[in-house]
Amino acid sequence: EIDLEYQFAPYFSIEARGGHYQFEGNNNINGGSLSLRGNLAQKKIHPFSSLGVGAYDDSDNNISFGIVTALGLKFSVIGNLQIETSANFFTIFEKNYESTYLTFGAGLKQKF
């Protein structure tokens, strides 16, 4: 997953994410989302939540739209290096039904 974030106000940012996601069964999708993120503190630990929309392409080349929400924490490590952990809840609206997925992730972020 690739994650780009632009902080436009002290407690708000816009986040663009894209990646390849593998879920149980044979559900492999590529997709991306654009979210508004609320950063709840500006100290060493940064709790956040986000809400966004996305487009997802499954293994049959069907494009579906969805909503993604997230809760997480960012930890300042050294200088501008941060560790981020999050839980993400995807709702993807397909032709005749909707799919929901809960994912957990962790990664490094470099603040520029």
PDB file of N, CA and C in Angstrom:
ATOM      1  N   GLU A   1       0.850  -1.176   0.000  1.00  0.00           N
ATOM      2  CA  GLU A   1       0.000   0.000   0.000  1.00  0.00           C
ATOM      3  C   GLU A   1       0.894   1.236   0.000  1.00  0.00           C
ATOM      4  N   ILE A   2       0.480   2.232  -0.759  1.00  0.00           N
ATOM      5  CA  ILE A   2       1.157   3.531  -0.782  1.00  0.00           C
ATOM      6  C   ILE A   2       0.200   4.553  -0.201  1.00  0.00           C
ATOM      7  N   ASP A   3       0.714   5.413   0.661  1.00  0.00           N
ATOM      8  CA  ASP A   3      -0.106   6.374   1.389  1.00  0.00           C
ATOM      9  C   ASP A   3       0.554   7.742   1.307  1.00  0.00           C
ATOM     10  N   LEU A   4      -0.154   8.725   0.760  1.00  0.00           N
ATOM     11  CA  LEU A   4       0.324  10.100   0.730  1.00  0.00           C
ATOM     12  C   LEU A   4      -0.651  10.950   1.528  1.00  0.00           C
ATOM     13  N   GLU A   5      -0.122  11.819   2.366  1.00  0.00           N
ATOM     14  CA  GLU A   5      -0.969  12.635   3.222  1.00  0.00           C
ATOM     15  C   GLU A   5      -0.512  14.089   3.143  1.00  0.00           C
ATOM     16  N   TYR A   6      -1.474  14.997   3.011  1.00  0.00           N
ATOM     17  CA  TYR A   6      -1.183  16.427   2.995  1.00  0.00           C
ATOM     18  C   TYR A   6      -1.946  17.080   4.138  1.00  0.00           C
ATOM     19  N   GLN A   7      -1.228  17.652   5.087  1.00  0.00           N
ATOM     20  CA  GLN A   7      -1.859  18.306   6.230  1.00  0.00           C
ATOM     21  C   GLN A   7      -2.092  19.770   5.867  1.00  0.00           C
ATOM     22  N   PHE A   8      -3.372  20.154   5.733  1.00  0.00           N
ATOM     23  CA  PHE A   8      -3.709  21.521   5.320  1.00  0.00           C
ATOM     24  C   PHE A   8      -4.140  22.405   6.476  1.00  0.00           C
ATOM     25  N   ALA A   9      -4.319  21.846   7.661  1.00  0.00           N
ATOM     26  CA  ALA A   9      -4.664  22.597   8.870  1.00  0.00           C
ATOM     27  C   ALA A   9      -4.100  21.818  10.053  1.00  0.00           C
ATOM     28  N   PRO A  10      -3.973  22.445  11.228  1.00  0.00           N
ATOM     29  CA  PRO A  10      -3.345  21.749  12.349  1.00  0.00           C
ATOM     30  C   PRO A  10      -3.964  20.391  12.689  1.00  0.00           C
ATOM     31  N   TYR A  11      -5.270  20.241  12.516  1.00  0.00           N
ATOM     32  CA  TYR A  11      -5.911  18.990  12.913  1.00  0.00           C
ATOM     33  C   TYR A  11      -6.572  18.246  11.755  1.00  0.00           C
ATOM     34  N   PHE A  12      -6.353  18.688  10.516  1.00  0.00           N
ATOM     35  CA  PHE A  12      -6.993  18.039   9.370  1.00  0.00           C
ATOM     36  C   PHE A  12      -5.998  17.818   8.246  1.00  0.00           C
ATOM     37  N   SER A  13      -6.177  16.688   7.562  1.00  0.00           N
ATOM     38  CA  SER A  13      -5.343  16.381   6.399  1.00  0.00           C
ATOM     39  C   SER A  13      -6.175  15.610   5.374  1.00  0.00           C
ATOM     40  N   ILE A  14      -5.651  15.567   4.159  1.00  0.00           N
ATOM     41  CA  ILE A  14      -6.237  14.757   3.086  1.00  0.00           C
ATOM     42  C   ILE A  14      -5.264  13.617   2.826  1.00  0.00           C
ATOM     43  N   GLU A  15      -5.809  12.418   2.683  1.00  0.00           N
ATOM     44  CA  GLU A  15      -4.977  11.237   2.499  1.00  0.00           C
ATOM     45  C   GLU A  15      -5.390  10.499   1.230  1.00  0.00           C
ATOM     46  N   ALA A  16      -4.426  10.191   0.388  1.00  0.00           N
ATOM     47  CA  ALA A  16      -4.650   9.365  -0.808  1.00  0.00           C
ATOM     48  C   ALA A  16      -3.918   8.048  -0.587  1.00  0.00           C
ATOM     49  N   ARG A  17      -4.644   6.942  -0.774  1.00  0.00           N
ATOM     50  CA  ARG A  17      -4.064   5.613  -0.567  1.00  0.00           C
ATOM     51  C   ARG A  17      -4.359   4.737  -1.772  1.00  0.00           C
ATOM     52  N   GLY A  18      -3.410   3.894  -2.097  1.00  0.00           N
ATOM     53  CA  GLY A  18      -3.613   2.927  -3.167  1.00  0.00           C
ATOM     54  C   GLY A  18      -2.860   1.656  -2.849  1.00  0.00           C
ATOM     55  N   GLY A  19      -3.391   0.536  -3.337  1.00  0.00           N
ATOM     56  CA  GLY A  19      -2.690  -0.699  -3.055  1.00  0.00           C
ATOM     57  C   GLY A  19      -3.368  -1.923  -3.606  1.00  0.00           C
ATOM     58  N   HIS A  20      -2.758  -3.045  -3.311  1.00  0.00           N
ATOM     59  CA  HIS A  20      -3.287  -4.355  -3.651  1.00  0.00           C
ATOM     60  C   HIS A  20      -3.702  -5.010  -2.339  1.00  0.00           C
ATOM     61  N   TYR A  21      -4.946  -5.477  -2.278  1.00  0.00           N
ATOM     62  CA  TYR A  21      -5.486  -6.034  -1.045  1.00  0.00           C
ATOM     63  C   TYR A  21      -5.917  -7.473  -1.284  1.00  0.00           C
ATOM     64  N   GLN A  22      -5.545  -8.357  -0.365  1.00  0.00           N
ATOM     65  CA  GLN A  22      -5.933  -9.760  -0.425  1.00  0.00           C
ATOM     66  C   GLN A  22      -6.781 -10.075   0.791  1.00  0.00           C
ATOM     67  N   PHE A  23      -7.973 -10.592   0.548  1.00  0.00           N
ATOM     68  CA  PHE A  23      -8.887 -10.940   1.620  1.00  0.00           C
ATOM     69  C   PHE A  23      -9.129 -12.440   1.576  1.00  0.00           C
ATOM     70  N   GLU A  24      -9.821 -12.954   2.575  1.00  0.00           N
ATOM     71  CA  GLU A  24     -10.055 -14.395   2.648  1.00  0.00           C
ATOM     72  C   GLU A  24     -10.753 -14.890   1.393  1.00  0.00           C
ATOM     73  N   GLY A  25     -10.551 -16.135   1.093  1.00  0.00           N
ATOM     74  CA  GLY A  25     -11.090 -16.693  -0.150  1.00  0.00           C
ATOM     75  C   GLY A  25     -10.217 -16.256  -1.308  1.00  0.00           C
ATOM     76  N   ASN A  26     -10.837 -15.970  -2.410  1.00  0.00           N
ATOM     77  CA  ASN A  26     -10.096 -15.559  -3.602  1.00  0.00           C
ATOM     78  C   ASN A  26     -10.380 -14.094  -3.922  1.00  0.00           C
ATOM     79  N   ASN A  27     -10.578 -13.264  -2.905  1.00  0.00           N
ATOM     80  CA  ASN A  27     -10.923 -11.862  -3.092  1.00  0.00           C
ATOM     81  C   ASN A  27      -9.673 -11.001  -3.108  1.00  0.00           C
ATOM     82  N   ASN A  28      -9.129 -10.783  -4.282  1.00  0.00           N
ATOM     83  CA  ASN A  28      -7.972  -9.917  -4.465  1.00  0.00           C
ATOM     84  C   ASN A  28      -8.437  -8.691  -5.228  1.00  0.00           C
ATOM     85  N   ILE A  29      -8.149  -7.510  -4.688  1.00  0.00           N
ATOM     86  CA  ILE A  29      -8.555  -6.286  -5.373  1.00  0.00           C
ATOM     87  C   ILE A  29      -7.414  -5.288  -5.392  1.00  0.00           C
ATOM     88  N   ASN A  30      -7.415  -4.443  -6.399  1.00  0.00           N
ATOM     89  CA  ASN A  30      -6.551  -3.272  -6.471  1.00  0.00           C
ATOM     90  C   ASN A  30      -7.460  -2.073  -6.303  1.00  0.00           C
ATOM     91  N   GLY A  31      -6.984  -1.060  -5.627  1.00  0.00           N
ATOM     92  CA  GLY A  31      -7.858   0.086  -5.446  1.00  0.00           C
ATOM     93  C   GLY A  31      -7.168   1.262  -4.828  1.00  0.00           C
ATOM     94  N   GLY A  32      -7.940   2.321  -4.730  1.00  0.00           N
ATOM     95  CA  GLY A  32      -7.432   3.540  -4.130  1.00  0.00           C
ATOM     96  C   GLY A  32      -8.554   4.322  -3.494  1.00  0.00           C
ATOM     97  N   SER A  33      -8.196   5.173  -2.545  1.00  0.00           N
ATOM     98  CA  SER A  33      -9.199   5.974  -1.855  1.00  0.00           C
ATOM     99  C   SER A  33      -8.650   7.366  -1.561  1.00  0.00           C
ATOM    100  N   LEU A  34      -9.567   8.285  -1.362  1.00  0.00           N
ATOM    101  CA  LEU A  34      -9.258   9.651  -0.967  1.00  0.00           C
ATOM    102  C   LEU A  34     -10.072   9.938   0.283  1.00  0.00           C
ATOM    103  N   SER A  35      -9.401  10.327   1.372  1.00  0.00           N
ATOM    104  CA  SER A  35     -10.059  10.474   2.677  1.00  0.00           C
ATOM    105  C   SER A  35      -9.734  11.801   3.328  1.00  0.00           C
ATOM    106  N   LEU A  36     -10.666  12.250   4.147  1.00  0.00           N
ATOM    107  CA  LEU A  36     -10.436  13.373   5.047  1.00  0.00           C
ATOM    108  C   LEU A  36     -10.061  12.767   6.391  1.00  0.00           C
ATOM    109  N   ARG A  37      -8.944  13.218   6.931  1.00  0.00           N
ATOM    110  CA  ARG A  37      -8.441  12.660   8.183  1.00  0.00           C
ATOM    111  C   ARG A  37      -8.477  13.725   9.268  1.00  0.00           C
ATOM    112  N   GLY A  38      -8.994  13.343  10.425  1.00  0.00           N
ATOM    113  CA  GLY A  38      -8.970  14.202  11.598  1.00  0.00           C
ATOM    114  C   GLY A  38      -7.886  13.740  12.538  1.00  0.00           C
ATOM    115  N   ASN A  39      -6.904  14.605  12.767  1.00  0.00           N
ATOM    116  CA  ASN A  39      -5.791  14.290  13.658  1.00  0.00           C
ATOM    117  C   ASN A  39      -6.116  14.882  15.020  1.00  0.00           C
ATOM    118  N   LEU A  40      -6.235  14.055  16.035  1.00  0.00           N
ATOM    119  CA  LEU A  40      -6.797  14.476  17.307  1.00  0.00           C
ATOM    120  C   LEU A  40      -5.791  15.080  18.273  1.00  0.00           C
ATOM    121  N   ALA A  41      -4.500  15.011  17.980  1.00  0.00           N
ATOM    122  CA  ALA A  41      -3.484  15.607  18.860  1.00  0.00           C
ATOM    123  C   ALA A  41      -2.228  15.880  18.046  1.00  0.00           C
ATOM    124  N   GLN A  42      -1.435  16.795  18.490  1.00  0.00           N
ATOM    125  CA  GLN A  42      -0.195  17.142  17.791  1.00  0.00           C
ATOM    126  C   GLN A  42       1.015  16.919  18.695  1.00  0.00           C
ATOM    127  N   LYS A  43       0.990  15.867  19.463  1.00  0.00           N
ATOM    128  CA  LYS A  43       2.080  15.555  20.392  1.00  0.00           C
ATOM    129  C   LYS A  43       2.854  14.342  19.858  1.00  0.00           C
ATOM    130  N   LYS A  44       3.595  13.667  20.710  1.00  0.00           N
ATOM    131  CA  LYS A  44       4.388  12.507  20.283  1.00  0.00           C
ATOM    132  C   LYS A  44       3.499  11.376  19.765  1.00  0.00           C
ATOM    133  N   ILE A  45       2.296  11.211  20.363  1.00  0.00           N
ATOM    134  CA  ILE A  45       1.330  10.218  19.899  1.00  0.00           C
ATOM    135  C   ILE A  45       0.173  10.957  19.238  1.00  0.00           C
ATOM    136  N   HIS A  46      -0.153  10.585  18.002  1.00  0.00           N
ATOM    137  CA  HIS A  46      -1.191  11.263  17.221  1.00  0.00           C
ATOM    138  C   HIS A  46      -2.345  10.298  16.940  1.00  0.00           C
ATOM    139  N   PRO A  47      -3.417  10.291  17.723  1.00  0.00           N
ATOM    140  CA  PRO A  47      -4.587   9.493  17.334  1.00  0.00           C
ATOM    141  C   PRO A  47      -5.272  10.152  16.135  1.00  0.00           C
ATOM    142  N   PHE A  48      -5.881   9.338  15.275  1.00  0.00           N
ATOM    143  CA  PHE A  48      -6.566   9.896  14.111  1.00  0.00           C
ATOM    144  C   PHE A  48      -7.759   9.030  13.733  1.00  0.00           C
ATOM    145  N   SER A  49      -8.651   9.628  12.970  1.00  0.00           N
ATOM    146  CA  SER A  49      -9.747   8.897  12.332  1.00  0.00           C
ATOM    147  C   SER A  49      -9.901   9.467  10.940  1.00  0.00           C
ATOM    148  N   SER A  50     -10.470   8.681  10.027  1.00  0.00           N
ATOM    149  CA  SER A  50     -10.653   9.169   8.665  1.00  0.00           C
ATOM    150  C   SER A  50     -11.899   8.559   8.035  1.00  0.00           C
ATOM    151  N   LEU A  51     -12.390   9.249   7.025  1.00  0.00           N
ATOM    152  CA  LEU A  51     -13.547   8.812   6.251  1.00  0.00           C
ATOM    153  C   LEU A  51     -13.288   9.189   4.802  1.00  0.00           C
ATOM    154  N   GLY A  52     -13.494   8.225   3.888  1.00  0.00           N
ATOM    155  CA  GLY A  52     -13.225   8.519   2.491  1.00  0.00           C
ATOM    156  C   GLY A  52     -14.004   7.641   1.537  1.00  0.00           C
ATOM    157  N   VAL A  53     -13.792   7.903   0.259  1.00  0.00           N
ATOM    158  CA  VAL A  53     -14.409   7.137  -0.824  1.00  0.00           C
ATOM    159  C   VAL A  53     -13.298   6.539  -1.677  1.00  0.00           C
ATOM    160  N   GLY A  54     -13.628   5.433  -2.351  1.00  0.00           N
ATOM    161  CA  GLY A  54     -12.616   4.787  -3.162  1.00  0.00           C
ATOM    162  C   GLY A  54     -13.194   4.047  -4.342  1.00  0.00           C
ATOM    163  N   ALA A  55     -12.309   3.642  -5.242  1.00  0.00           N
ATOM    164  CA  ALA A  55     -12.657   2.811  -6.395  1.00  0.00           C
ATOM    165  C   ALA A  55     -11.783   1.567  -6.331  1.00  0.00           C
ATOM    166  N   TYR A  56     -12.394   0.395  -6.589  1.00  0.00           N
ATOM    167  CA  TYR A  56     -11.709  -0.876  -6.423  1.00  0.00           C
ATOM    168  C   TYR A  56     -11.969  -1.766  -7.623  1.00  0.00           C
ATOM    169  N   ASP A  57     -10.922  -2.464  -8.070  1.00  0.00           N
ATOM    170  CA  ASP A  57     -10.964  -3.331  -9.240  1.00  0.00           C
ATOM    171  C   ASP A  57     -10.676  -4.759  -8.776  1.00  0.00           C
ATOM    172  N   ASP A  58     -11.651  -5.660  -8.949  1.00  0.00           N
ATOM    173  CA  ASP A  58     -11.440  -7.040  -8.494  1.00  0.00           C
ATOM    174  C   ASP A  58     -10.732  -7.861  -9.562  1.00  0.00           C
ATOM    175  N   SER A  59     -10.520  -9.136  -9.280  1.00  0.00           N
ATOM    176  CA  SER A  59      -9.768 -10.007 -10.189  1.00  0.00           C
ATOM    177  C   SER A  59     -10.501 -10.263 -11.503  1.00  0.00           C
ATOM    178  N   ASP A  60     -11.812  -9.956 -11.576  1.00  0.00           N
ATOM    179  CA  ASP A  60     -12.577 -10.094 -12.821  1.00  0.00           C
ATOM    180  C   ASP A  60     -12.659  -8.779 -13.585  1.00  0.00           C
ATOM    181  N   ASN A  61     -11.864  -7.783 -13.199  1.00  0.00           N
ATOM    182  CA  ASN A  61     -11.835  -6.455 -13.811  1.00  0.00           C
ATOM    183  C   ASN A  61     -13.149  -5.706 -13.699  1.00  0.00           C
ATOM    184  N   ASN A  62     -13.884  -5.941 -12.619  1.00  0.00           N
ATOM    185  CA  ASN A  62     -15.087  -5.169 -12.322  1.00  0.00           C
ATOM    186  C   ASN A  62     -14.705  -4.038 -11.389  1.00  0.00           C
ATOM    187  N   ILE A  63     -15.062  -2.812 -11.749  1.00  0.00           N
ATOM    188  CA  ILE A  63     -14.758  -1.660 -10.905  1.00  0.00           C
ATOM    189  C   ILE A  63     -15.961  -1.353 -10.030  1.00  0.00           C
ATOM    190  N   SER A  64     -15.730  -1.244  -8.732  1.00  0.00           N
ATOM    191  CA  SER A  64     -16.776  -0.942  -7.763  1.00  0.00           C
ATOM    192  C   SER A  64     -16.332   0.239  -6.912  1.00  0.00           C
ATOM    193  N   PHE A  65     -17.308   0.940  -6.364  1.00  0.00           N
ATOM    194  CA  PHE A  65     -17.010   2.076  -5.499  1.00  0.00           C
ATOM    195  C   PHE A  65     -17.281   1.693  -4.056  1.00  0.00           C
ATOM    196  N   GLY A  66     -16.633   2.395  -3.151  1.00  0.00           N
ATOM    197  CA  GLY A  66     -16.808   2.048  -1.754  1.00  0.00           C
ATOM    198  C   GLY A  66     -16.509   3.194  -0.817  1.00  0.00           C
ATOM    199  N   ILE A  67     -16.697   2.899   0.448  1.00  0.00           N
ATOM    200  CA  ILE A  67     -16.418   3.827   1.543  1.00  0.00           C
ATOM    201  C   ILE A  67     -15.407   3.155   2.461  1.00  0.00           C
ATOM    202  N   VAL A  68     -14.460   3.932   2.944  1.00  0.00           N
ATOM    203  CA  VAL A  68     -13.472   3.388   3.885  1.00  0.00           C
ATOM    204  C   VAL A  68     -13.377   4.312   5.097  1.00  0.00           C
ATOM    205  N   THR A  69     -13.373   3.713   6.272  1.00  0.00           N
ATOM    206  CA  THR A  69     -13.162   4.450   7.521  1.00  0.00           C
ATOM    207  C   THR A  69     -11.951   3.855   8.219  1.00  0.00           C
ATOM    208  N   ALA A  70     -11.308   4.664   9.035  1.00  0.00           N
ATOM    209  CA  ALA A  70     -10.117   4.173   9.733  1.00  0.00           C
ATOM    210  C   ALA A  70      -9.981   4.840  11.100  1.00  0.00           C
ATOM    211  N   LEU A  71      -9.378   4.111  12.010  1.00  0.00           N
ATOM    212  CA  LEU A  71      -8.949   4.613  13.313  1.00  0.00           C
ATOM    213  C   LEU A  71      -7.509   4.172  13.504  1.00  0.00           C
ATOM    214  N   GLY A  72      -6.682   5.061  14.055  1.00  0.00           N
ATOM    215  CA  GLY A  72      -5.305   4.648  14.234  1.00  0.00           C
ATOM    216  C   GLY A  72      -4.497   5.573  15.105  1.00  0.00           C
ATOM    217  N   LEU A  73      -3.211   5.251  15.205  1.00  0.00           N
ATOM    218  CA  LEU A  73      -2.249   6.027  15.976  1.00  0.00           C
ATOM    219  C   LEU A  73      -0.983   6.209  15.160  1.00  0.00           C
ATOM    220  N   LYS A  74      -0.422   7.407  15.231  1.00  0.00           N
ATOM    221  CA  LYS A  74       0.904   7.690  14.689  1.00  0.00           C
ATOM    222  C   LYS A  74       1.812   8.016  15.865  1.00  0.00           C
ATOM    223  N   PHE A  75       3.014   7.479  15.850  1.00  0.00           N
ATOM    224  CA  PHE A  75       3.997   7.730  16.894  1.00  0.00           C
ATOM    225  C   PHE A  75       5.207   8.399  16.270  1.00  0.00           C
ATOM    226  N   SER A  76       5.626   9.524  16.817  1.00  0.00           N
ATOM    227  CA  SER A  76       6.868  10.147  16.371  1.00  0.00           C
ATOM    228  C   SER A  76       8.029   9.338  16.926  1.00  0.00           C
ATOM    229  N   VAL A  77       9.007   9.024  16.063  1.00  0.00           N
ATOM    230  CA  VAL A  77      10.133   8.195  16.480  1.00  0.00           C
ATOM    231  C   VAL A  77      11.378   9.066  16.627  1.00  0.00           C
ATOM    232  N   ILE A  78      11.957   9.439  15.506  1.00  0.00           N
ATOM    233  CA  ILE A  78      13.157  10.276  15.487  1.00  0.00           C
ATOM    234  C   ILE A  78      12.979  11.310  14.386  1.00  0.00           C
ATOM    235  N   GLY A  79      13.128  12.566  14.709  1.00  0.00           N
ATOM    236  CA  GLY A  79      12.981  13.615  13.702  1.00  0.00           C
ATOM    237  C   GLY A  79      11.616  13.568  13.049  1.00  0.00           C
ATOM    238  N   ASN A  80      11.597  13.405  11.737  1.00  0.00           N
ATOM    239  CA  ASN A  80      10.346  13.350  10.981  1.00  0.00           C
ATOM    240  C   ASN A  80       9.880  11.925  10.681  1.00  0.00           C
ATOM    241  N   LEU A  81      10.519  10.929  11.259  1.00  0.00           N
ATOM    242  CA  LEU A  81      10.133   9.538  11.050  1.00  0.00           C
ATOM    243  C   LEU A  81       9.016   9.170  12.020  1.00  0.00           C
ATOM    244  N   GLN A  82       7.963   8.534  11.494  1.00  0.00           N
ATOM    245  CA  GLN A  82       6.811   8.148  12.302  1.00  0.00           C
ATOM    246  C   GLN A  82       6.456   6.691  12.043  1.00  0.00           C
ATOM    247  N   ILE A  83       5.869   6.052  13.046  1.00  0.00           N
ATOM    248  CA  ILE A  83       5.272   4.725  12.902  1.00  0.00           C
ATOM    249  C   ILE A  83       3.766   4.921  12.969  1.00  0.00           C
ATOM    250  N   GLU A  84       3.044   4.288  12.037  1.00  0.00           N
ATOM    251  CA  GLU A  84       1.593   4.410  12.023  1.00  0.00           C
ATOM    252  C   GLU A  84       0.951   3.033  12.085  1.00  0.00           C
ATOM    253  N   THR A  85      -0.068   2.901  12.930  1.00  0.00           N
ATOM    254  CA  THR A  85      -0.875   1.688  13.002  1.00  0.00           C
ATOM    255  C   THR A  85      -2.328   2.085  12.786  1.00  0.00           C
ATOM    256  N   SER A  86      -3.104   1.216  12.133  1.00  0.00           N
ATOM    257  CA  SER A  86      -4.506   1.567  11.891  1.00  0.00           C
ATOM    258  C   SER A  86      -5.362   0.322  11.690  1.00  0.00           C
ATOM    259  N   ALA A  87      -6.642   0.513  11.946  1.00  0.00           N
ATOM    260  CA  ALA A  87      -7.673  -0.463  11.601  1.00  0.00           C
ATOM    261  C   ALA A  87      -8.546   0.223  10.555  1.00  0.00           C
ATOM    262  N   ASN A  88      -8.790  -0.460   9.435  1.00  0.00           N
ATOM    263  CA  ASN A  88      -9.537   0.111   8.321  1.00  0.00           C
ATOM    264  C   ASN A  88     -10.752  -0.756   8.029  1.00  0.00           C
ATOM    265  N   PHE A  89     -11.890  -0.125   7.836  1.00  0.00           N
ATOM    266  CA  PHE A  89     -13.118  -0.846   7.532  1.00  0.00           C
ATOM    267  C   PHE A  89     -13.597  -0.410   6.143  1.00  0.00           C
ATOM    268  N   PHE A  90     -13.598  -1.357   5.207  1.00  0.00           N
ATOM    269  CA  PHE A  90     -14.003  -1.105   3.825  1.00  0.00           C
ATOM    270  C   PHE A  90     -15.435  -1.599   3.608  1.00  0.00           C
ATOM    271  N   THR A  91     -16.265  -0.815   2.955  1.00  0.00           N
ATOM    272  CA  THR A  91     -17.553  -1.263   2.441  1.00  0.00           C
ATOM    273  C   THR A  91     -17.514  -1.017   0.945  1.00  0.00           C
ATOM    274  N   ILE A  92     -17.566  -2.080   0.158  1.00  0.00           N
ATOM    275  CA  ILE A  92     -17.472  -1.981  -1.294  1.00  0.00           C
ATOM    276  C   ILE A  92     -18.811  -2.382  -1.886  1.00  0.00           C
ATOM    277  N   PHE A  93     -19.373  -1.483  -2.677  1.00  0.00           N
ATOM    278  CA  PHE A  93     -20.691  -1.688  -3.274  1.00  0.00           C
ATOM    279  C   PHE A  93     -20.523  -2.309  -4.660  1.00  0.00           C
ATOM    280  N   GLU A  94     -20.869  -3.585  -4.758  1.00  0.00           N
ATOM    281  CA  GLU A  94     -20.763  -4.295  -6.023  1.00  0.00           C
ATOM    282  C   GLU A  94     -22.143  -4.358  -6.667  1.00  0.00           C
ATOM    283  N   LYS A  95     -22.257  -4.968  -7.842  1.00  0.00           N
ATOM    284  CA  LYS A  95     -23.509  -4.922  -8.609  1.00  0.00           C
ATOM    285  C   LYS A  95     -24.738  -5.342  -7.814  1.00  0.00           C
ATOM    286  N   ASN A  96     -24.730  -6.499  -7.215  1.00  0.00           N
ATOM    287  CA  ASN A  96     -25.913  -7.017  -6.540  1.00  0.00           C
ATOM    288  C   ASN A  96     -25.776  -7.122  -5.022  1.00  0.00           C
ATOM    289  N   TYR A  97     -24.652  -6.727  -4.474  1.00  0.00           N
ATOM    290  CA  TYR A  97     -24.440  -6.858  -3.031  1.00  0.00           C
ATOM    291  C   TYR A  97     -23.318  -5.932  -2.611  1.00  0.00           C
ATOM    292  N   GLU A  98     -23.074  -5.890  -1.326  1.00  0.00           N
ATOM    293  CA  GLU A  98     -21.936  -5.128  -0.820  1.00  0.00           C
ATOM    294  C   GLU A  98     -21.046  -6.054  -0.004  1.00  0.00           C
ATOM    295  N   SER A  99     -19.764  -5.769  -0.043  1.00  0.00           N
ATOM    296  CA  SER A  99     -18.778  -6.546   0.708  1.00  0.00           C
ATOM    297  C   SER A  99     -18.176  -5.645   1.770  1.00  0.00           C
ATOM    298  N   THR A 100     -17.894  -6.229   2.926  1.00  0.00           N
ATOM    299  CA  THR A 100     -17.234  -5.478   3.987  1.00  0.00           C
ATOM    300  C   THR A 100     -15.971  -6.219   4.403  1.00  0.00           C
ATOM    301  N   TYR A 101     -14.928  -5.444   4.680  1.00  0.00           N
ATOM    302  CA  TYR A 101     -13.639  -6.003   5.073  1.00  0.00           C
ATOM    303  C   TYR A 101     -13.049  -5.161   6.186  1.00  0.00           C
ATOM    304  N   LEU A 102     -12.452  -5.806   7.154  1.00  0.00           N
ATOM    305  CA  LEU A 102     -11.727  -5.137   8.226  1.00  0.00           C
ATOM    306  C   LEU A 102     -10.258  -5.504   8.082  1.00  0.00           C
ATOM    307  N   THR A 103      -9.401  -4.500   7.994  1.00  0.00           N
ATOM    308  CA  THR A 103      -7.967  -4.742   7.858  1.00  0.00           C
ATOM    309  C   THR A 103      -7.214  -4.024   8.958  1.00  0.00           C
ATOM    310  N   PHE A 104      -6.035  -4.533   9.252  1.00  0.00           N
ATOM    311  CA  PHE A 104      -5.138  -3.905  10.213  1.00  0.00           C
ATOM    312  C   PHE A 104      -3.790  -3.706   9.540  1.00  0.00           C
ATOM    313  N   GLY A 105      -3.152  -2.588   9.834  1.00  0.00           N
ATOM    314  CA  GLY A 105      -1.876  -2.330   9.193  1.00  0.00           C
ATOM    315  C   GLY A 105      -0.929  -1.552  10.078  1.00  0.00           C
ATOM    316  N   ALA A 106       0.345  -1.599   9.713  1.00  0.00           N
ATOM    317  CA  ALA A 106       1.373  -0.823  10.389  1.00  0.00           C
ATOM    318  C   ALA A 106       2.434  -0.486   9.363  1.00  0.00           C
ATOM    319  N   GLY A 107       3.036   0.678   9.512  1.00  0.00           N
ATOM    320  CA  GLY A 107       4.068   1.063   8.570  1.00  0.00           C
ATOM    321  C   GLY A 107       4.853   2.278   9.046  1.00  0.00           C
ATOM    322  N   LEU A 108       5.844   2.626   8.257  1.00  0.00           N
ATOM    323  CA  LEU A 108       6.673   3.802   8.529  1.00  0.00           C
ATOM    324  C   LEU A 108       6.237   4.942   7.632  1.00  0.00           C
ATOM    325  N   LYS A 109       6.285   6.167   8.169  1.00  0.00           N
ATOM    326  CA  LYS A 109       5.978   7.373   7.412  1.00  0.00           C
ATOM    327  C   LYS A 109       7.116   8.358   7.599  1.00  0.00           C
ATOM    328  N   GLN A 110       7.468   9.018   6.523  1.00  0.00           N
ATOM    329  CA  GLN A 110       8.467  10.087   6.567  1.00  0.00           C
ATOM    330  C   GLN A 110       7.749  11.397   6.300  1.00  0.00           C
ATOM    331  N   LYS A 111       7.838  12.315   7.223  1.00  0.00           N
ATOM    332  CA  LYS A 111       7.180  13.614   7.095  1.00  0.00           C
ATOM    333  C   LYS A 111       8.136  14.581   6.402  1.00  0.00           C
ATOM    334  N   PHE A 112       7.649  15.222   5.331  1.00  0.00           N
ATOM    335  CA  PHE A 112       8.470  16.203   4.590  1.00  0.00           C
ATOM    336  C   PHE A 112       7.976  17.606   4.843  1.00  0.00           C
TER     337      PHE A 112
END
